[in-house]
Amino acid sequence: MQLVLEADMTYRARRLAVGGARLLFADMHANLRRHDGVLSIDQMIGRHHVAVSGRGLLLMPSVFAHKPAPPVHLEEPLRLTYPSRGVATL
């Protein structure tokens, strides 16, 4: 599992370096959309908006997640859990 997660992080870092946020999020998940600097998750049960604006966003790949998940509480640090690439190889 660790190797799968490390490979995903390396892949994402490379995409960010080459193409910025546009390329970083382009193939992360079908439910994840980025438009005009706004990151949205489709097909969520609840709705909330969080302004990142300079606060940073921690990306957390997971071998257990099947779709992207924002923080549960708005007071939590800004993070986005998402399905890691390569899970099918486990």
C-alpha atoms as a PDB file:
ATOM      1  CA  MET A   1       0.000   0.000   0.000  1.00  0.00           C
ATOM      2  CA  GLN A   2       2.811   2.382   0.853  1.00  0.00           C
ATOM      3  CA  LEU A   3       4.386   1.991  -2.587  1.00  0.00           C
ATOM      4  CA  VAL A   4       1.062   2.699  -4.305  1.00  0.00           C
ATOM      5  CA  LEU A   5       0.572   5.866  -2.231  1.00  0.00           C
ATOM      6  CA  GLU A   6       4.148   7.031  -2.805  1.00  0.00           C
ATOM      7  CA  ALA A   7       3.796   6.467  -6.551  1.00  0.00           C
ATOM      8  CA  ASP A   8       0.588   8.522  -6.565  1.00  0.00           C
ATOM      9  CA  MET A   9       2.222  11.375  -4.670  1.00  0.00           C
ATOM     10  CA  THR A  10       5.165  11.385  -7.098  1.00  0.00           C
ATOM     11  CA  TYR A  11       2.784  11.399 -10.062  1.00  0.00           C
ATOM     12  CA  ARG A  12       0.734  14.284  -8.608  1.00  0.00           C
ATOM     13  CA  ALA A  13       3.857  16.329  -7.764  1.00  0.00           C
ATOM     14  CA  ARG A  14       5.119  15.920 -11.322  1.00  0.00           C
ATOM     15  CA  ARG A  15       1.752  17.004 -12.789  1.00  0.00           C
ATOM     16  CA  LEU A  16       1.677  20.064 -10.520  1.00  0.00           C
ATOM     17  CA  ALA A  17       5.221  21.026 -11.534  1.00  0.00           C
ATOM     18  CA  VAL A  18       4.520  20.591 -15.255  1.00  0.00           C
ATOM     19  CA  GLY A  19       1.012  22.022 -15.576  1.00  0.00           C
ATOM     20  CA  GLY A  20      -0.029  23.668 -12.320  1.00  0.00           C
ATOM     21  CA  ALA A  21      -3.343  23.052 -10.567  1.00  0.00           C
ATOM     22  CA  ARG A  22      -5.166  22.557 -13.879  1.00  0.00           C
ATOM     23  CA  LEU A  23      -3.112  19.465 -14.718  1.00  0.00           C
ATOM     24  CA  LEU A  24      -2.885  18.286 -11.107  1.00  0.00           C
ATOM     25  CA  PHE A  25      -6.657  17.894 -10.759  1.00  0.00           C
ATOM     26  CA  ALA A  26      -7.425  16.987 -14.398  1.00  0.00           C
ATOM     27  CA  ASP A  27      -7.421  13.213 -13.915  1.00  0.00           C
ATOM     28  CA  MET A  28      -7.762  12.865 -10.145  1.00  0.00           C
ATOM     29  CA  HIS A  29     -11.379  11.623 -10.207  1.00  0.00           C
ATOM     30  CA  ALA A  30     -14.437  11.895 -12.456  1.00  0.00           C
ATOM     31  CA  ASN A  31     -16.434  13.606  -9.652  1.00  0.00           C
ATOM     32  CA  LEU A  32     -13.765  16.276  -9.126  1.00  0.00           C
ATOM     33  CA  ARG A  33     -14.047  19.440 -11.212  1.00  0.00           C
ATOM     34  CA  ARG A  34     -11.885  22.555 -11.345  1.00  0.00           C
ATOM     35  CA  HIS A  35     -13.252  25.610 -13.133  1.00  0.00           C
ATOM     36  CA  ASP A  36     -12.099  29.227 -12.781  1.00  0.00           C
ATOM     37  CA  GLY A  37     -10.029  28.353  -9.720  1.00  0.00           C
ATOM     38  CA  VAL A  38     -12.932  26.627  -7.940  1.00  0.00           C
ATOM     39  CA  LEU A  39     -12.615  22.962  -7.006  1.00  0.00           C
ATOM     40  CA  SER A  40     -15.958  21.121  -6.820  1.00  0.00           C
ATOM     41  CA  ILE A  41     -16.941  17.569  -5.963  1.00  0.00           C
ATOM     42  CA  ASP A  42     -19.997  16.295  -7.848  1.00  0.00           C
ATOM     43  CA  GLN A  43     -22.531  13.880  -6.364  1.00  0.00           C
ATOM     44  CA  MET A  44     -21.927  14.826  -2.728  1.00  0.00           C
ATOM     45  CA  ILE A  45     -24.681  14.301  -0.145  1.00  0.00           C
ATOM     46  CA  GLY A  46     -24.056  17.635   1.582  1.00  0.00           C
ATOM     47  CA  ARG A  47     -22.856  20.961   0.238  1.00  0.00           C
ATOM     48  CA  HIS A  48     -20.384  23.372   1.729  1.00  0.00           C
ATOM     49  CA  HIS A  49     -17.923  25.839   0.315  1.00  0.00           C
ATOM     50  CA  VAL A  50     -14.441  26.432   1.655  1.00  0.00           C
ATOM     51  CA  ALA A  51     -12.241  29.300   0.522  1.00  0.00           C
ATOM     52  CA  VAL A  52      -8.651  28.097   0.357  1.00  0.00           C
ATOM     53  CA  SER A  53      -7.180  31.477  -0.679  1.00  0.00           C
ATOM     54  CA  GLY A  54      -3.595  31.138   0.453  1.00  0.00           C
ATOM     55  CA  ARG A  55      -4.322  28.664   3.248  1.00  0.00           C
ATOM     56  CA  GLY A  56      -3.033  25.700   1.261  1.00  0.00           C
ATOM     57  CA  LEU A  57      -4.696  22.394   0.535  1.00  0.00           C
ATOM     58  CA  LEU A  58      -3.316  19.063   1.756  1.00  0.00           C
ATOM     59  CA  LEU A  59      -3.892  16.273  -0.762  1.00  0.00           C
ATOM     60  CA  MET A  60      -4.230  12.831   0.829  1.00  0.00           C
ATOM     61  CA  PRO A  61      -4.301   9.828  -1.481  1.00  0.00           C
ATOM     62  CA  SER A  62      -6.069   6.792  -0.049  1.00  0.00           C
ATOM     63  CA  VAL A  63      -6.253   3.140  -1.025  1.00  0.00           C
ATOM     64  CA  PHE A  64      -9.590   2.929   0.821  1.00  0.00           C
ATOM     65  CA  ALA A  65     -11.457   5.930  -0.633  1.00  0.00           C
ATOM     66  CA  HIS A  66     -13.594   5.357  -3.707  1.00  0.00           C
ATOM     67  CA  LYS A  67     -14.358   9.026  -4.345  1.00  0.00           C
ATOM     68  CA  PRO A  68     -12.954  12.414  -3.260  1.00  0.00           C
ATOM     69  CA  ALA A  69     -13.859  13.591   0.232  1.00  0.00           C
ATOM     70  CA  PRO A  70     -13.467  17.093   1.725  1.00  0.00           C
ATOM     71  CA  PRO A  71     -12.963  17.760   5.447  1.00  0.00           C
ATOM     72  CA  VAL A  72     -15.912  16.613   7.548  1.00  0.00           C
ATOM     73  CA  HIS A  73     -15.978  19.829   9.585  1.00  0.00           C
ATOM     74  CA  LEU A  74     -15.222  23.262   8.188  1.00  0.00           C
ATOM     75  CA  GLU A  75     -12.940  23.956  11.166  1.00  0.00           C
ATOM     76  CA  GLU A  76     -10.606  21.088  10.197  1.00  0.00           C
ATOM     77  CA  PRO A  77      -7.408  21.773   8.255  1.00  0.00           C
ATOM     78  CA  LEU A  78      -8.039  22.015   4.528  1.00  0.00           C
ATOM     79  CA  ARG A  79      -7.476  18.606   3.017  1.00  0.00           C
ATOM     80  CA  LEU A  80      -8.827  16.555   0.178  1.00  0.00           C
ATOM     81  CA  THR A  81      -8.805  12.780   0.448  1.00  0.00           C
ATOM     82  CA  TYR A  82      -8.970  11.113  -2.956  1.00  0.00           C
ATOM     83  CA  PRO A  83      -8.630   7.602  -4.420  1.00  0.00           C
ATOM     84  CA  SER A  84      -5.011   6.766  -5.151  1.00  0.00           C
ATOM     85  CA  ARG A  85      -3.914   5.646  -8.595  1.00  0.00           C
ATOM     86  CA  GLY A  86      -2.824   2.017  -8.844  1.00  0.00           C
ATOM     87  CA  VAL A  87      -5.169   0.527  -6.233  1.00  0.00           C
ATOM     88  CA  ALA A  88      -6.081  -2.286  -8.646  1.00  0.00           C
ATOM     89  CA  THR A  89      -2.494  -3.539  -8.412  1.00  0.00           C
ATOM     90  CA  LEU A  90      -2.885  -4.419  -4.723  1.00  0.00           C
END
